[in-house]
Amino acid sequence: MDDAIKAFVMYLQVERNASPETIRNYRSDLQQLTGFLRTTKKDSSSIRVDSITSDEIRAHLHSLDRKGEKAASLARKLASLRSFFRFLLREALIKTDPTETLRSPKLPKRLPRVLTKDDAAALMTFPSESSPLSLRDRALLETMYSTGARVSEVVGINLNDLDEGDGIVSVTGKGRKERLVPIGDVALQAIREYRRSLKPTPRNRHPSSPMFLNHRGGRLTTRSVAKMVARYSSRLVSGAVSPHALRHSYATHLLDEGADLRSIQELLGHASLSTTQKYTHVAMDQLLAVYDRTHPRAHTARPPHGKDHKSS
């Protein structure tokens, strides 16, 4: 099993060009299965991948479910196992795929959390001090909302990724695919003010240096940015949000202002238009909420959007 995991990780790195975070998740999910099998098999000294059964994987997932693992997490773990065993099947290391008959848990359909335009504008003003850290936080928030980039893409921006003259920034997304996205004047100004506040050193002025630095002068982590966004957004009446809410808000506000879905798909770096289409439901929910709140004869008779409402 350990050798098979190493081979799979090598495949992810070399052929799939997967990100370090993706590889970490796959490895963790597979090691978790290995740990479970070692506690249940009589001979746990060596686990052969061609002896693992569907029932054993199902028992592993049931065990995680009993421990309180969320449905979304279970679905992701099963997806990791599926990818692993399909790889083994292609490499002729197993004869049958034990995950083939397993069904993913049903996930509740949740519309993404979206800030109103007023809340988004307010959030940008919360880092109001003139210290480098406060200016950095302001620049980060403006960049995330201005570009719609994922938090992992934003922390990966280097100095030479930004073209101020054309108002374009290069970001590296899932599968290490690069794409160019527009960045607005307000975000550019926030970045300039932040960079001017830093003490110039060869390290933070090199073209390949991170655009946004932690207090030690290194690259920020996605977790630290998530904590920062949660801290400032907790001051909103609607409550704290994740960095991804800024990406959702970016897409929804573009749609509200007339941008077409294909353009938004390109800007977000979505491989499939169906992923982008969820924002049409968000926009419709907002329109219905405005109608119900303002029309004198709307009242409360309307069923919740997504149940009886059908979009054409």
Protein backbone atom coordinates (compact mmCIF):
# COMPACT_ATOMS: atom_id res chain seq x y z
CA MET A 1 0.00 0.00 0.00
CA ASP A 2 2.79 2.44 0.92
CA ASP A 3 4.58 1.82 -2.40
CA ALA A 4 1.32 2.28 -4.31
CA ILE A 5 0.69 5.62 -2.56
CA LYS A 6 4.22 6.80 -3.46
CA ALA A 7 3.64 5.86 -7.12
CA PHE A 8 0.30 7.67 -7.13
CA VAL A 9 1.82 10.81 -5.60
CA MET A 10 4.55 10.75 -8.26
CA TYR A 11 1.84 10.50 -10.93
CA LEU A 12 0.03 13.50 -9.42
CA GLN A 13 3.23 15.55 -9.36
CA VAL A 14 4.62 14.66 -12.78
CA GLU A 15 1.63 13.90 -15.01
CA ARG A 16 -1.21 15.77 -13.35
CA ASN A 17 0.93 18.73 -12.24
CA ALA A 18 -1.20 18.86 -9.09
CA SER A 19 -0.66 21.57 -6.50
CA PRO A 20 1.13 20.74 -3.20
CA GLU A 21 -2.15 21.26 -1.33
CA THR A 22 -3.99 18.78 -3.57
CA ILE A 23 -1.22 16.22 -3.14
CA ARG A 24 -1.30 16.71 0.63
CA ASN A 25 -5.05 16.02 0.68
CA TYR A 26 -4.76 12.87 -1.46
CA ARG A 27 -1.90 11.52 0.64
CA SER A 28 -3.76 12.24 3.88
CA ASP A 29 -6.94 10.51 2.65
CA LEU A 30 -5.01 7.43 1.55
CA GLN A 31 -3.01 7.25 4.77
CA GLN A 32 -6.28 7.50 6.69
CA LEU A 33 -7.61 4.47 4.80
CA THR A 34 -4.35 2.62 5.45
CA GLY A 35 -4.63 3.34 9.16
CA PHE A 36 -8.19 2.02 9.24
CA LEU A 37 -7.22 -1.18 7.42
CA ARG A 38 -4.33 -1.78 9.80
CA THR A 39 -6.74 -1.69 12.75
CA THR A 40 -9.20 -4.11 11.16
CA LYS A 41 -7.07 -6.66 9.30
CA LYS A 42 -5.60 -9.63 11.13
CA ASP A 43 -2.28 -9.32 9.31
CA SER A 44 -1.65 -5.58 9.37
CA SER A 45 2.08 -5.78 8.67
CA SER A 46 1.57 -5.53 4.91
CA ILE A 47 -1.60 -4.35 3.13
CA ARG A 48 -1.87 -5.42 -0.49
CA VAL A 49 -3.77 -3.01 -2.72
CA ASP A 50 -5.21 -5.88 -4.75
CA SER A 51 -6.84 -7.32 -1.62
CA ILE A 52 -8.79 -4.21 -0.57
CA THR A 53 -12.54 -4.69 -0.98
CA SER A 54 -15.53 -2.42 -1.48
CA ASP A 55 -16.88 -3.51 1.91
CA GLU A 56 -13.67 -2.42 3.64
CA ILE A 57 -13.76 1.01 2.02
CA ARG A 58 -17.46 1.33 2.86
CA ALA A 59 -16.70 0.39 6.48
CA HIS A 60 -13.95 3.01 6.56
CA LEU A 61 -16.33 5.73 5.34
CA HIS A 62 -19.02 4.60 7.81
CA SER A 63 -16.44 4.84 10.59
CA LEU A 64 -15.64 8.43 9.60
CA ASP A 65 -19.36 9.21 9.41
CA ARG A 66 -19.89 7.93 12.95
CA LYS A 67 -17.06 10.17 14.12
CA GLY A 68 -18.95 13.17 12.78
CA GLU A 69 -17.20 13.71 9.43
CA LYS A 70 -19.28 16.01 7.23
CA ALA A 71 -20.86 14.77 4.00
CA ALA A 72 -18.72 17.12 1.89
CA SER A 73 -15.56 15.78 3.52
CA LEU A 74 -16.67 12.16 3.01
CA ALA A 75 -17.42 12.89 -0.65
CA ARG A 76 -13.97 14.39 -1.12
CA LYS A 77 -12.27 11.42 0.55
CA LEU A 78 -14.19 8.97 -1.63
CA ALA A 79 -13.17 10.98 -4.70
CA SER A 80 -9.52 10.68 -3.59
CA LEU A 81 -9.87 6.91 -3.21
CA ARG A 82 -11.56 6.64 -6.61
CA SER A 83 -8.69 8.49 -8.28
CA PHE A 84 -6.18 6.26 -6.51
CA PHE A 85 -7.79 2.95 -7.46
CA ARG A 86 -8.44 4.07 -11.05
CA PHE A 87 -4.74 4.87 -11.29
CA LEU A 88 -3.87 1.41 -9.97
CA LEU A 89 -6.27 -0.16 -12.48
CA ARG A 90 -4.65 1.71 -15.40
CA GLU A 91 -1.23 0.61 -14.17
CA ALA A 92 -2.47 -3.02 -13.98
CA LEU A 93 -1.65 -3.17 -10.27
CA ILE A 94 -5.20 -4.31 -9.50
CA LYS A 95 -7.77 -6.21 -11.56
CA THR A 96 -10.95 -4.55 -10.27
CA ASP A 97 -11.73 -1.14 -8.81
CA PRO A 98 -13.26 -1.54 -5.32
CA THR A 99 -14.72 1.99 -5.43
CA GLU A 100 -16.70 1.38 -8.63
CA THR A 101 -19.90 0.36 -6.84
CA LEU A 102 -19.69 2.97 -4.06
CA ARG A 103 -21.98 5.99 -4.14
CA SER A 104 -20.99 9.44 -2.97
CA PRO A 105 -23.04 10.85 -0.09
CA LYS A 106 -25.75 13.30 -1.10
CA LEU A 107 -24.65 16.86 -0.52
CA PRO A 108 -27.04 19.66 0.36
CA LYS A 109 -27.25 22.19 -2.45
CA ARG A 110 -26.01 25.43 -1.02
CA LEU A 111 -25.87 28.70 -2.85
CA PRO A 112 -22.60 30.55 -2.29
CA ARG A 113 -22.49 33.28 0.35
CA VAL A 114 -22.43 36.67 -1.35
CA LEU A 115 -21.83 40.12 0.10
CA THR A 116 -24.03 43.01 -0.92
CA LYS A 117 -22.22 45.74 -2.81
CA ASP A 118 -22.50 47.99 0.26
CA ASP A 119 -21.01 45.32 2.53
CA ALA A 120 -18.21 44.68 0.07
CA ALA A 121 -17.42 48.41 -0.05
CA ALA A 122 -17.51 48.62 3.76
CA LEU A 123 -15.22 45.62 4.17
CA MET A 124 -12.54 47.33 2.06
CA THR A 125 -12.42 50.26 4.52
CA PHE A 126 -12.00 48.26 7.73
CA PRO A 127 -8.18 48.07 7.55
CA SER A 128 -7.88 51.84 8.14
CA GLU A 129 -4.52 52.23 9.86
CA SER A 130 -1.34 53.39 8.12
CA SER A 131 0.85 50.53 9.34
CA PRO A 132 2.35 48.16 6.72
CA LEU A 133 0.20 45.27 7.99
CA SER A 134 -3.02 47.28 7.77
CA LEU A 135 -2.10 48.58 4.31
CA ARG A 136 -1.30 45.01 3.28
CA ASP A 137 -4.69 43.77 4.49
CA ARG A 138 -6.45 46.54 2.59
CA ALA A 139 -4.49 45.68 -0.56
CA LEU A 140 -5.30 41.98 -0.15
CA LEU A 141 -9.03 42.59 0.25
CA GLU A 142 -9.09 44.97 -2.72
CA THR A 143 -7.14 42.50 -4.87
CA MET A 144 -9.40 39.55 -4.03
CA TYR A 145 -12.56 41.55 -4.74
CA SER A 146 -11.11 43.27 -7.83
CA THR A 147 -9.85 40.08 -9.51
CA GLY A 148 -12.15 37.34 -8.19
CA ALA A 149 -9.02 35.23 -7.70
CA ARG A 150 -8.95 32.31 -5.30
CA VAL A 151 -7.09 32.98 -2.07
CA SER A 152 -4.43 30.45 -3.10
CA GLU A 153 -3.96 32.39 -6.34
CA VAL A 154 -3.66 35.73 -4.56
CA VAL A 155 -1.00 34.59 -2.08
CA GLY A 156 0.92 33.13 -5.04
CA ILE A 157 1.20 36.49 -6.86
CA ASN A 158 4.78 37.69 -7.30
CA LEU A 159 5.95 41.22 -8.12
CA ASN A 160 6.62 40.33 -11.75
CA ASP A 161 3.08 38.93 -12.15
CA LEU A 162 1.58 42.43 -12.02
CA ASP A 163 1.43 44.69 -15.09
CA GLU A 164 0.31 48.02 -13.67
CA GLY A 165 0.37 49.77 -17.04
CA ASP A 166 -2.21 47.42 -18.57
CA GLY A 167 -4.02 46.72 -15.29
CA ILE A 168 -3.44 42.97 -15.61
CA VAL A 169 -2.24 40.38 -13.12
CA SER A 170 -1.16 36.81 -13.86
CA VAL A 171 -2.45 34.19 -11.41
CA THR A 172 -1.79 30.47 -11.22
CA GLY A 173 -4.95 28.46 -10.64
CA LYS A 174 -5.93 24.82 -10.27
CA GLY A 175 -3.70 22.40 -12.14
CA ARG A 176 -1.09 25.19 -12.14
CA LYS A 177 -2.82 26.81 -15.09
CA GLU A 178 -1.94 30.46 -15.53
CA ARG A 179 -4.46 33.05 -16.59
CA LEU A 180 -4.48 36.83 -16.93
CA VAL A 181 -7.16 38.78 -15.08
CA PRO A 182 -7.92 42.52 -14.98
CA ILE A 183 -7.24 44.38 -11.75
CA GLY A 184 -8.91 47.72 -11.01
CA ASP A 185 -7.36 51.10 -10.24
CA VAL A 186 -8.51 51.06 -6.61
CA ALA A 187 -6.76 47.75 -5.97
CA LEU A 188 -3.63 48.94 -7.80
CA GLN A 189 -3.52 52.07 -5.66
CA ALA A 190 -3.89 49.98 -2.48
CA ILE A 191 -1.03 47.74 -3.63
CA ARG A 192 1.20 50.76 -4.37
CA GLU A 193 0.53 52.26 -0.93
CA TYR A 194 1.30 48.93 0.74
CA ARG A 195 4.52 48.36 -1.20
CA ARG A 196 5.70 51.93 -0.47
CA SER A 197 5.24 51.27 3.25
CA LEU A 198 7.74 48.40 3.21
CA LYS A 199 11.39 48.92 4.05
CA PRO A 200 13.19 48.20 0.75
CA THR A 201 15.40 45.11 0.84
CA PRO A 202 16.90 42.99 -1.96
CA ARG A 203 14.64 40.17 -0.81
CA ASN A 204 11.32 41.98 -1.11
CA ARG A 205 12.27 43.90 -4.26
CA HIS A 206 13.29 40.91 -6.37
CA PRO A 207 10.87 40.33 -9.30
CA SER A 208 10.05 36.83 -8.07
CA SER A 209 9.36 38.02 -4.50
CA PRO A 210 5.81 37.57 -3.15
CA MET A 211 3.58 40.60 -3.63
CA PHE A 212 2.02 40.15 -0.17
CA LEU A 213 4.32 39.38 2.75
CA ASN A 214 3.79 38.02 6.24
CA HIS A 215 5.32 39.78 9.25
CA ARG A 216 8.55 37.80 8.77
CA GLY A 217 8.92 38.86 5.16
CA GLY A 218 7.86 35.51 3.67
CA ARG A 219 4.89 34.43 1.60
CA LEU A 220 1.47 34.44 3.24
CA THR A 221 -0.47 31.22 3.71
CA THR A 222 -4.09 30.75 2.67
CA ARG A 223 -4.97 30.06 6.30
CA SER A 224 -3.57 33.38 7.53
CA VAL A 225 -5.51 35.25 4.84
CA ALA A 226 -8.71 33.39 5.80
CA LYS A 227 -8.22 34.46 9.43
CA MET A 228 -7.64 38.05 8.32
CA VAL A 229 -10.81 38.11 6.18
CA ALA A 230 -12.85 36.55 8.99
CA ARG A 231 -11.52 39.12 11.48
CA TYR A 232 -12.49 42.15 9.41
CA SER A 233 -15.75 40.74 8.01
CA SER A 234 -16.99 39.87 11.52
CA ARG A 235 -17.67 43.60 11.84
CA LEU A 236 -20.31 43.40 9.11
CA VAL A 237 -23.95 43.11 10.17
CA SER A 238 -24.25 39.97 8.04
CA GLY A 239 -21.34 38.34 9.89
CA ALA A 240 -17.96 36.88 9.03
CA VAL A 241 -17.24 35.40 5.61
CA SER A 242 -14.48 33.36 4.01
CA PRO A 243 -12.14 34.64 1.28
CA HIS A 244 -14.18 32.59 -1.20
CA ALA A 245 -17.18 34.83 -0.49
CA LEU A 246 -15.25 37.68 -2.10
CA ARG A 247 -14.83 35.55 -5.22
CA HIS A 248 -18.56 34.73 -5.20
CA SER A 249 -19.40 38.41 -4.66
CA TYR A 250 -17.12 39.44 -7.54
CA ALA A 251 -18.88 37.07 -9.95
CA THR A 252 -22.39 37.95 -8.77
CA HIS A 253 -21.77 41.70 -8.92
CA LEU A 254 -20.37 41.37 -12.46
CA LEU A 255 -23.49 39.44 -13.45
CA ASP A 256 -25.70 42.08 -11.82
CA GLU A 257 -24.02 44.75 -13.94
CA GLY A 258 -24.58 42.88 -17.20
CA ALA A 259 -21.47 40.73 -17.70
CA ASP A 260 -22.17 37.52 -19.63
CA LEU A 261 -21.53 34.09 -18.16
CA ARG A 262 -18.84 33.16 -20.68
CA SER A 263 -16.78 36.20 -19.73
CA ILE A 264 -17.21 35.47 -16.03
CA GLN A 265 -16.19 31.85 -16.66
CA GLU A 266 -12.93 33.03 -18.25
CA LEU A 267 -12.25 35.54 -15.47
CA LEU A 268 -12.81 32.94 -12.75
CA GLY A 269 -10.83 30.24 -14.54
CA HIS A 270 -13.69 27.74 -14.46
CA ALA A 271 -13.17 24.73 -16.73
CA SER A 272 -16.92 24.25 -17.12
CA LEU A 273 -19.66 26.81 -17.68
CA SER A 274 -21.95 24.78 -15.40
CA THR A 275 -19.74 25.78 -12.45
CA THR A 276 -20.26 29.45 -13.32
CA GLN A 277 -24.02 29.07 -13.79
CA LYS A 278 -24.64 28.84 -10.04
CA TYR A 279 -24.25 32.62 -9.95
CA THR A 280 -27.40 33.02 -12.03
CA HIS A 281 -29.31 31.41 -9.14
CA VAL A 282 -27.68 33.80 -6.67
CA ALA A 283 -28.64 36.78 -8.80
CA MET A 284 -32.22 35.48 -9.16
CA ASP A 285 -32.51 34.98 -5.40
CA GLN A 286 -31.45 38.57 -4.88
CA LEU A 287 -33.95 39.85 -7.45
CA LEU A 288 -36.78 37.87 -5.86
CA ALA A 289 -35.83 39.14 -2.41
CA VAL A 290 -35.97 42.74 -3.66
CA TYR A 291 -39.33 42.07 -5.34
CA ASP A 292 -40.83 40.46 -2.23
CA ARG A 293 -39.56 43.28 -0.05
CA THR A 294 -40.68 46.18 -2.25
CA HIS A 295 -43.70 45.17 -4.32
CA PRO A 296 -46.96 46.14 -2.57
CA ARG A 297 -48.70 42.91 -3.53
CA ALA A 298 -45.82 40.44 -3.25
CA HIS A 299 -46.48 39.47 0.39
CA THR A 300 -44.95 36.14 1.42
CA ALA A 301 -46.75 33.75 -0.89
CA ARG A 302 -43.69 33.03 -3.01
CA PRO A 303 -42.09 29.61 -2.44
CA PRO A 304 -38.35 29.60 -1.77
CA HIS A 305 -36.26 29.85 -4.94
CA GLY A 306 -34.93 26.44 -5.95
CA LYS A 307 -38.11 24.53 -5.00
CA ASP A 308 -40.96 25.59 -7.24
CA HIS A 309 -39.24 28.34 -9.19
CA LYS A 310 -37.92 27.16 -12.54
CA SER A 311 -35.40 29.11 -14.57
CA SER A 312 -35.54 28.86 -18.33
